[in-house]
Amino acid sequence: MTLAISTKIHSASAVLTAEGLVPSFARNAAIHDRDNSFVADNYTALKAAGLVRAAVPLELGGGGAAVRELAEMLRTLAHGCGSTALAFAMHTHQVAIPAWRWRHRPETRPVTEPLLLRIAGENIVIATSGGSDWIGGSGRAEKVEGGYRIHARKIFASSSPVADLFMTSAIADEDGASKVLHFGLSMSSPQIKVLDTWDCLGMRGTGSHDIEIDGAFVPNEKVALKRPAGLWHPLFQIIGTIAFPLIYSVYLGVAESAAALALETARRKPADARQRRLAGHMETELAAAGFAREAMVAEAERNEPGEISINRVMIGRRLVEEHAIRAVELAMELAGGGGFYRGSGLERHFRDIQGARYHPMLPEVQYEYAGALALGQPVANIY
């Protein structure tokens, strides 16, 4: 048994539900990976189990799960299928953020409550371009009468094959300045097209295709936020503080699953000192990833989003990346040549864990952000 980092669960319902889905997800994972196919059957199961609305407050008809429970839910799902867990993390954080705002920023309820009620009532799935846009934004918002026409091509839109709503942004030139507009678009809009572009090293089942937006109209009243381009905004401090503990819980789960497979293989071999050292090194790296993920969750639970929380969460994100990837590398070594075969499952985990490298902030940016704070320098345009 791999070393588990103990965590305090306020309500285990979403986690227990996820545990019940793991066996079937694990059976399907290799098929979706081999066929490069979206995990549509798993999304059907997630909807039926009520996990699509897990983060919606109880008062609004949801599961009432906060960040810690959601993180454990995603970590658990990753033991069955990394692609499902990662794609679902993108939906989950898009629900958890308005739920947090509904709880802690009551003035936002006229905006957040209709969305949360719709998620709970209609079981809708949200896709986002947040990771590819991040603080800088992308795409063009053309000012027209009554609103904007959007022209953009968005990448890494996980779960796009089944998404009902696309949360994204575009840049408008207004009064001589670039402004990033945030809005949601119906995926059934004729101006939105999912492009079959997702053909990647790992996480092949996430359906993270490009989405093309060709002139979709966004009325002025549907623009949820307008902010200066290229600068941190308080909403993004909330987003960063909540989203990344959820996303990186998936990578911790992938690493834990790989370690379990490696130990199962190694126990069938004669014991020797090298095997023990590899197993011990792997367990140590896995524990480090777990400690870092726990620190990220604890930071989100402080409910004080800002420059400091972003710094702490992004340090944790970097450490989970580094130690989870190393743990899976060691799992491959511990399993030996058998791990090189696709049928072992380890080869897929090795490819899937590489995705941890590519989410904001990339290491050099995270180092600069942490360094600027340590030196008492501004961080508003470091992202």
Protein backbone atom coordinates (compact mmCIF):
# COMPACT_ATOMS: atom_id res chain seq x y z
CA MET A 1 0.00 0.00 0.00
CA THR A 2 1.39 3.40 -0.96
CA LEU A 3 1.81 6.11 1.65
CA ALA A 4 -1.42 8.06 1.98
CA ILE A 5 -1.50 11.66 3.17
CA SER A 6 -4.29 11.94 5.72
CA THR A 7 -6.91 14.56 4.92
CA LYS A 8 -9.94 15.87 6.75
CA ILE A 9 -13.14 15.32 4.78
CA HIS A 10 -16.08 17.44 5.86
CA SER A 11 -18.56 15.30 3.92
CA ALA A 12 -17.51 12.12 2.16
CA SER A 13 -20.53 11.70 -0.11
CA ALA A 14 -18.83 12.86 -3.34
CA VAL A 15 -15.70 10.85 -2.50
CA LEU A 16 -17.66 7.67 -1.77
CA THR A 17 -19.62 8.13 -4.98
CA ALA A 18 -16.37 8.55 -6.90
CA GLU A 19 -14.96 5.38 -5.32
CA GLY A 20 -17.94 3.48 -6.69
CA LEU A 21 -17.16 4.68 -10.22
CA VAL A 22 -13.44 3.84 -10.18
CA PRO A 23 -13.69 0.15 -11.22
CA SER A 24 -15.71 0.83 -14.36
CA PHE A 25 -13.60 3.87 -15.25
CA ALA A 26 -10.44 1.77 -14.88
CA ARG A 27 -11.83 -0.89 -17.23
CA ASN A 28 -12.54 1.74 -19.89
CA ALA A 29 -9.37 3.81 -19.52
CA ALA A 30 -7.11 1.74 -21.76
CA ILE A 31 -9.80 1.57 -24.47
CA HIS A 32 -10.24 5.34 -24.63
CA ASP A 33 -6.48 5.81 -24.61
CA ARG A 34 -5.96 3.29 -27.41
CA ASP A 35 -8.79 4.69 -29.53
CA ASN A 36 -8.00 8.33 -28.76
CA SER A 37 -11.69 8.68 -27.90
CA PHE A 38 -13.49 10.98 -25.50
CA VAL A 39 -14.67 9.44 -22.22
CA ALA A 40 -18.34 10.02 -23.04
CA ASP A 41 -19.55 6.89 -21.22
CA ASN A 42 -17.83 8.07 -18.04
CA TYR A 43 -19.55 11.46 -18.28
CA THR A 44 -22.89 9.68 -18.50
CA ALA A 45 -21.98 7.93 -15.25
CA LEU A 46 -20.82 11.17 -13.60
CA LYS A 47 -24.13 12.82 -14.46
CA ALA A 48 -26.18 9.87 -13.24
CA ALA A 49 -24.21 9.84 -9.97
CA GLY A 50 -24.90 13.53 -9.33
CA LEU A 51 -21.24 14.57 -9.39
CA VAL A 52 -21.77 17.20 -12.11
CA ARG A 53 -23.60 19.27 -9.48
CA ALA A 54 -21.43 18.24 -6.51
CA ALA A 55 -20.02 21.76 -6.00
CA VAL A 56 -23.37 23.55 -6.20
CA PRO A 57 -24.49 24.71 -2.72
CA LEU A 58 -27.05 22.52 -0.99
CA GLU A 59 -29.40 25.49 -0.79
CA LEU A 60 -29.49 25.61 -4.59
CA GLY A 61 -30.05 21.90 -5.14
CA GLY A 62 -26.47 20.67 -5.39
CA GLY A 63 -24.16 18.46 -3.39
CA GLY A 64 -22.69 21.25 -1.27
CA ALA A 65 -19.12 19.97 -1.61
CA ALA A 66 -16.37 22.47 -0.83
CA VAL A 67 -12.80 22.47 -2.14
CA ARG A 68 -11.39 19.69 0.05
CA GLU A 69 -14.12 17.20 -0.77
CA LEU A 70 -13.95 18.09 -4.47
CA ALA A 71 -10.18 17.63 -4.45
CA GLU A 72 -10.52 14.19 -2.90
CA MET A 73 -13.26 13.30 -5.38
CA LEU A 74 -10.98 14.16 -8.31
CA ARG A 75 -7.97 12.42 -6.76
CA THR A 76 -10.13 9.31 -6.37
CA LEU A 77 -11.46 9.42 -9.94
CA ALA A 78 -7.88 9.63 -11.22
CA HIS A 79 -7.22 6.19 -9.74
CA GLY A 80 -9.67 4.88 -12.33
CA CYS A 81 -9.03 7.15 -15.33
CA GLY A 82 -6.72 10.14 -15.44
CA SER A 83 -8.40 11.57 -18.53
CA THR A 84 -11.84 11.50 -16.97
CA ALA A 85 -10.58 13.09 -13.76
CA LEU A 86 -8.69 15.86 -15.55
CA ALA A 87 -11.52 16.76 -17.90
CA PHE A 88 -13.96 16.69 -15.00
CA ALA A 89 -11.66 18.91 -12.94
CA MET A 90 -12.14 21.61 -15.55
CA HIS A 91 -15.92 21.41 -15.17
CA THR A 92 -15.68 21.10 -11.39
CA HIS A 93 -13.62 24.23 -10.85
CA GLN A 94 -15.98 26.19 -13.09
CA VAL A 95 -18.75 25.24 -10.65
CA ALA A 96 -16.69 25.59 -7.47
CA ILE A 97 -15.69 29.18 -8.25
CA PRO A 98 -19.20 30.65 -8.59
CA ALA A 99 -20.24 28.51 -5.60
CA TRP A 100 -17.43 30.07 -3.54
CA ARG A 101 -18.45 33.53 -4.68
CA TRP A 102 -22.10 32.77 -3.85
CA ARG A 103 -21.07 31.78 -0.31
CA HIS A 104 -18.43 34.42 0.38
CA ARG A 105 -19.38 37.34 -1.89
CA PRO A 106 -23.16 37.70 -1.50
CA GLU A 107 -23.15 40.75 -3.77
CA THR A 108 -22.36 38.39 -6.69
CA ARG A 109 -25.50 36.30 -6.25
CA PRO A 110 -27.47 37.99 -9.04
CA VAL A 111 -24.77 36.66 -11.40
CA THR A 112 -23.70 33.41 -9.76
CA GLU A 113 -27.04 32.04 -8.57
CA PRO A 114 -28.73 31.64 -12.00
CA LEU A 115 -25.73 29.67 -13.27
CA LEU A 116 -25.61 27.43 -10.20
CA LEU A 117 -29.34 26.80 -10.36
CA ARG A 118 -29.02 25.81 -13.99
CA ILE A 119 -26.18 23.38 -13.25
CA ALA A 120 -28.21 21.77 -10.47
CA GLY A 121 -31.47 21.70 -12.39
CA GLU A 122 -30.28 20.77 -15.87
CA ASN A 123 -27.13 18.76 -15.05
CA ILE A 124 -25.16 20.79 -17.58
CA VAL A 125 -21.45 20.37 -18.29
CA ILE A 126 -19.16 23.39 -18.56
CA ALA A 127 -16.08 23.62 -20.76
CA THR A 128 -13.55 26.40 -20.42
CA SER A 129 -10.63 27.96 -22.25
CA GLY A 130 -9.21 29.33 -19.02
CA GLY A 131 -5.89 27.50 -19.10
CA SER A 132 -5.10 28.54 -22.68
CA ASP A 133 -6.29 32.12 -22.15
CA TRP A 134 -5.20 32.67 -18.55
CA ILE A 135 -4.52 36.30 -17.59
CA GLY A 136 -3.59 37.50 -21.07
CA GLY A 137 -6.77 36.44 -22.82
CA SER A 138 -7.10 35.68 -26.53
CA GLY A 139 -9.51 36.18 -29.40
CA ARG A 140 -11.20 39.34 -30.68
CA ALA A 141 -14.38 41.01 -29.40
CA GLU A 142 -15.77 43.38 -32.03
CA LYS A 143 -18.07 46.07 -30.67
CA VAL A 144 -21.45 46.10 -32.43
CA GLU A 145 -24.86 47.49 -31.54
CA GLY A 146 -26.05 45.97 -28.28
CA GLY A 147 -22.96 43.90 -27.61
CA TYR A 148 -20.00 42.18 -29.23
CA ARG A 149 -19.20 39.76 -32.04
CA ILE A 150 -16.60 37.20 -30.97
CA HIS A 151 -13.96 35.76 -33.28
CA ALA A 152 -11.53 33.32 -31.68
CA ARG A 153 -9.95 29.91 -31.71
CA LYS A 154 -9.56 28.44 -28.23
CA ILE A 155 -7.32 25.49 -27.37
CA PHE A 156 -7.38 22.87 -24.59
CA ALA A 157 -11.18 22.97 -24.18
CA SER A 158 -11.54 19.75 -22.17
CA SER A 159 -14.86 17.85 -22.34
CA SER A 160 -15.89 19.91 -25.38
CA PRO A 161 -17.66 16.93 -27.05
CA VAL A 162 -20.37 16.90 -24.35
CA ALA A 163 -20.24 20.45 -22.97
CA ASP A 164 -23.39 22.53 -22.82
CA LEU A 165 -21.81 25.87 -21.90
CA PHE A 166 -18.43 27.33 -22.88
CA MET A 167 -16.90 29.81 -20.45
CA THR A 168 -14.33 31.91 -22.28
CA SER A 169 -13.06 35.42 -23.03
CA ALA A 170 -11.98 37.75 -25.82
CA ILE A 171 -10.10 41.02 -26.11
CA ALA A 172 -11.79 44.31 -27.07
CA ASP A 173 -10.05 47.59 -27.86
CA GLU A 174 -11.96 50.26 -25.98
CA ASP A 175 -10.95 53.83 -25.32
CA GLY A 176 -7.43 53.12 -26.48
CA ALA A 177 -6.94 50.19 -24.08
CA SER A 178 -7.20 46.40 -24.38
CA LYS A 179 -9.95 44.92 -22.20
CA VAL A 180 -10.60 41.23 -21.64
CA LEU A 181 -14.30 40.38 -21.68
CA HIS A 182 -15.55 37.23 -19.91
CA PHE A 183 -18.77 35.50 -20.93
CA GLY A 184 -20.46 32.17 -21.49
CA LEU A 185 -21.62 30.78 -24.83
CA SER A 186 -24.03 27.98 -25.57
CA MET A 187 -22.24 25.10 -27.25
CA SER A 188 -25.31 24.66 -29.47
CA SER A 189 -24.70 28.05 -31.08
CA PRO A 190 -24.20 27.75 -34.87
CA GLN A 191 -21.22 30.11 -34.53
CA ILE A 192 -19.36 27.60 -32.35
CA LYS A 193 -17.55 24.60 -33.82
CA VAL A 194 -15.56 21.90 -32.05
CA LEU A 195 -12.49 21.10 -34.15
CA ASP A 196 -11.13 17.56 -33.99
CA THR A 197 -7.59 18.51 -32.92
CA TRP A 198 -6.92 16.53 -29.72
CA ASP A 199 -4.26 13.96 -30.67
CA CYS A 200 -1.70 14.03 -27.91
CA LEU A 201 0.93 12.14 -25.93
CA GLY A 202 -1.26 11.57 -22.87
CA MET A 203 -4.65 12.39 -21.35
CA ARG A 204 -6.06 11.26 -24.67
CA GLY A 205 -9.61 10.82 -23.42
CA THR A 206 -10.16 14.40 -22.24
CA GLY A 207 -11.60 15.64 -25.53
CA SER A 208 -9.58 18.85 -25.18
CA HIS A 209 -10.22 19.95 -28.75
CA ASP A 210 -9.93 23.43 -30.18
CA ILE A 211 -13.13 25.47 -30.29
CA GLU A 212 -13.68 27.95 -33.10
CA ILE A 213 -15.94 30.94 -32.46
CA ASP A 214 -16.98 32.63 -35.70
CA GLY A 215 -19.01 35.74 -34.96
CA ALA A 216 -21.04 34.61 -31.96
CA PHE A 217 -23.01 37.52 -30.48
CA VAL A 218 -22.67 38.39 -26.79
CA PRO A 219 -25.13 41.04 -25.54
CA ASN A 220 -23.70 43.73 -23.30
CA GLU A 221 -25.66 42.40 -20.31
CA LYS A 222 -24.12 38.92 -20.73
CA VAL A 223 -20.55 40.15 -20.29
CA ALA A 224 -19.82 38.90 -16.78
CA LEU A 225 -16.54 40.79 -16.34
CA LYS A 226 -14.50 43.39 -18.18
CA ARG A 227 -10.90 43.82 -17.01
CA PRO A 228 -7.58 45.27 -18.24
CA ALA A 229 -5.64 42.78 -20.36
CA GLY A 230 -2.41 41.38 -19.00
CA LEU A 231 -2.97 42.21 -15.32
CA TRP A 232 -4.10 40.13 -12.37
CA HIS A 233 -7.68 40.82 -11.32
CA PRO A 234 -9.33 39.88 -7.99
CA LEU A 235 -11.55 37.34 -9.77
CA PHE A 236 -8.48 35.59 -11.16
CA GLN A 237 -7.02 35.45 -7.67
CA ILE A 238 -10.16 33.56 -6.65
CA ILE A 239 -9.92 31.35 -9.74
CA GLY A 240 -6.24 30.54 -9.21
CA THR A 241 -6.65 29.81 -5.51
CA ILE A 242 -9.56 27.40 -6.02
CA ALA A 243 -8.90 25.78 -9.40
CA PHE A 244 -5.34 24.55 -9.00
CA PRO A 245 -5.79 22.46 -5.84
CA LEU A 246 -8.52 20.64 -7.79
CA ILE A 247 -6.55 20.20 -11.01
CA TYR A 248 -3.40 19.00 -9.27
CA SER A 249 -5.35 16.55 -7.13
CA VAL A 250 -5.82 14.69 -10.41
CA TYR A 251 -2.08 14.42 -10.98
CA LEU A 252 -1.55 13.24 -7.42
CA GLY A 253 -4.14 10.52 -8.07
CA VAL A 254 -2.41 9.47 -11.30
CA ALA A 255 0.91 9.18 -9.46
CA GLU A 256 -0.67 7.17 -6.62
CA SER A 257 -2.26 4.80 -9.13
CA ALA A 258 1.06 4.32 -10.92
CA ALA A 259 2.83 3.60 -7.63
CA ALA A 260 0.22 0.99 -6.71
CA LEU A 261 0.69 -0.77 -10.08
CA ALA A 262 4.48 -0.73 -9.68
CA LEU A 263 4.34 -2.17 -6.16
CA GLU A 264 2.00 -4.92 -7.30
CA THR A 265 4.50 -5.89 -9.99
CA ALA A 266 7.56 -5.57 -7.73
CA ARG A 267 6.10 -7.80 -5.01
CA ARG A 268 6.09 -10.70 -7.47
CA LYS A 269 9.87 -10.44 -7.87
CA PRO A 270 12.65 -11.58 -5.50
CA ALA A 271 13.42 -8.79 -3.02
CA ASP A 272 16.78 -7.03 -3.19
CA ALA A 273 18.36 -3.79 -1.99
CA ARG A 274 17.86 -1.98 -5.31
CA GLN A 275 14.16 -2.80 -5.31
CA ARG A 276 13.80 -1.50 -1.77
CA ARG A 277 15.63 1.72 -2.57
CA LEU A 278 13.48 2.35 -5.65
CA ALA A 279 10.29 1.66 -3.71
CA GLY A 280 11.40 3.91 -0.88
CA HIS A 281 12.42 6.72 -3.25
CA MET A 282 9.07 6.43 -5.05
CA GLU A 283 7.15 6.56 -1.77
CA THR A 284 9.14 9.61 -0.67
CA GLU A 285 8.42 11.47 -3.91
CA LEU A 286 4.76 10.50 -3.67
CA ALA A 287 4.58 11.76 -0.10
CA ALA A 288 6.16 15.07 -1.13
CA ALA A 289 3.53 15.48 -3.85
CA GLY A 290 0.83 14.70 -1.30
CA PHE A 291 2.17 17.20 1.24
CA ALA A 292 2.26 19.90 -1.45
CA ARG A 293 -1.27 19.14 -2.63
CA GLU A 294 -2.49 19.25 0.98
CA ALA A 295 -0.90 22.68 1.41
CA MET A 296 -2.74 23.89 -1.71
CA VAL A 297 -6.09 22.69 -0.37
CA ALA A 298 -5.40 24.24 3.03
CA GLU A 299 -4.58 27.56 1.34
CA ALA A 300 -7.87 27.50 -0.54
CA GLU A 301 -9.67 26.79 2.73
CA ARG A 302 -8.30 30.02 4.23
CA ASN A 303 -10.81 31.85 1.99
CA GLU A 304 -8.45 34.79 1.52
CA PRO A 305 -7.72 34.92 -2.23
CA GLY A 306 -5.05 37.42 -3.20
CA GLU A 307 -1.40 37.73 -4.12
CA ILE A 308 -0.29 35.63 -1.14
CA SER A 309 -2.72 32.78 -1.80
CA ILE A 310 -1.71 32.69 -5.47
CA ASN A 311 1.94 32.47 -4.46
CA ARG A 312 1.34 29.61 -2.03
CA VAL A 313 -0.93 27.68 -4.37
CA MET A 314 1.46 28.06 -7.31
CA ILE A 315 4.41 26.91 -5.21
CA GLY A 316 2.32 23.87 -4.32
CA ARG A 317 1.37 23.36 -7.97
CA ARG A 318 5.06 23.37 -8.95
CA LEU A 319 5.98 20.89 -6.21
CA VAL A 320 3.13 18.50 -7.08
CA GLU A 321 4.26 18.59 -10.71
CA GLU A 322 7.89 17.87 -9.87
CA HIS A 323 7.33 15.14 -7.30
CA ALA A 324 4.39 13.41 -9.00
CA ILE A 325 6.29 13.14 -12.29
CA ARG A 326 9.36 11.79 -10.48
CA ALA A 327 7.21 9.29 -8.55
CA VAL A 328 5.83 7.89 -11.82
CA GLU A 329 9.31 7.72 -13.33
CA LEU A 330 10.42 5.68 -10.33
CA ALA A 331 7.33 3.50 -10.64
CA MET A 332 8.43 2.64 -14.18
CA GLU A 333 11.90 1.72 -12.90
CA LEU A 334 10.51 -0.33 -10.04
CA ALA A 335 8.22 -2.31 -12.34
CA GLY A 336 11.10 -3.00 -14.71
CA GLY A 337 10.67 -3.94 -18.36
CA GLY A 338 7.08 -5.01 -17.79
CA GLY A 339 6.11 -1.39 -17.23
CA PHE A 340 7.16 -0.60 -20.79
CA TYR A 341 4.28 -2.67 -22.17
CA ARG A 342 1.06 -0.80 -22.83
CA GLY A 343 -0.94 -3.57 -21.23
CA SER A 344 0.67 -2.84 -17.85
CA GLY A 345 -1.17 0.48 -17.48
CA LEU A 346 2.03 2.13 -16.25
CA GLU A 347 2.96 3.32 -19.71
CA ARG A 348 -0.33 5.27 -19.89
CA HIS A 349 0.20 6.76 -16.44
CA PHE A 350 3.70 7.85 -17.49
CA ARG A 351 2.23 9.70 -20.47
CA ASP A 352 -0.72 11.13 -18.55
CA ILE A 353 1.43 12.57 -15.75
CA GLN A 354 3.31 14.70 -18.28
CA GLY A 355 0.26 16.94 -18.51
CA ALA A 356 1.19 18.38 -15.11
CA ARG A 357 3.89 20.40 -16.86
CA TYR A 358 1.60 22.55 -18.97
CA HIS A 359 -0.88 24.39 -16.73
CA PRO A 360 -0.23 27.94 -15.52
CA MET A 361 2.05 29.04 -13.98
CA LEU A 362 4.97 27.48 -15.82
CA PRO A 363 8.05 27.06 -13.59
CA GLU A 364 10.00 30.10 -14.74
CA VAL A 365 6.95 32.33 -14.26
CA GLN A 366 6.17 30.85 -10.85
CA TYR A 367 9.74 31.43 -9.74
CA GLU A 368 9.59 35.05 -10.90
CA TYR A 369 6.27 35.62 -9.13
CA ALA A 370 7.53 34.10 -5.86
CA GLY A 371 10.78 36.02 -6.16
CA ALA A 372 9.05 39.34 -6.79
CA LEU A 373 6.91 38.89 -3.68
CA ALA A 374 9.94 37.93 -1.61
CA LEU A 375 11.73 41.06 -2.79
CA GLY A 376 8.74 43.31 -2.15
CA GLN A 377 8.20 43.98 -5.85
CA PRO A 378 4.85 44.15 -7.74
CA VAL A 379 3.40 41.01 -9.31
CA ALA A 380 0.36 42.42 -11.13
CA ASN A 381 1.74 41.56 -14.59
CA ILE A 382 3.56 38.32 -13.71
CA TYR A 383 1.45 35.35 -14.82
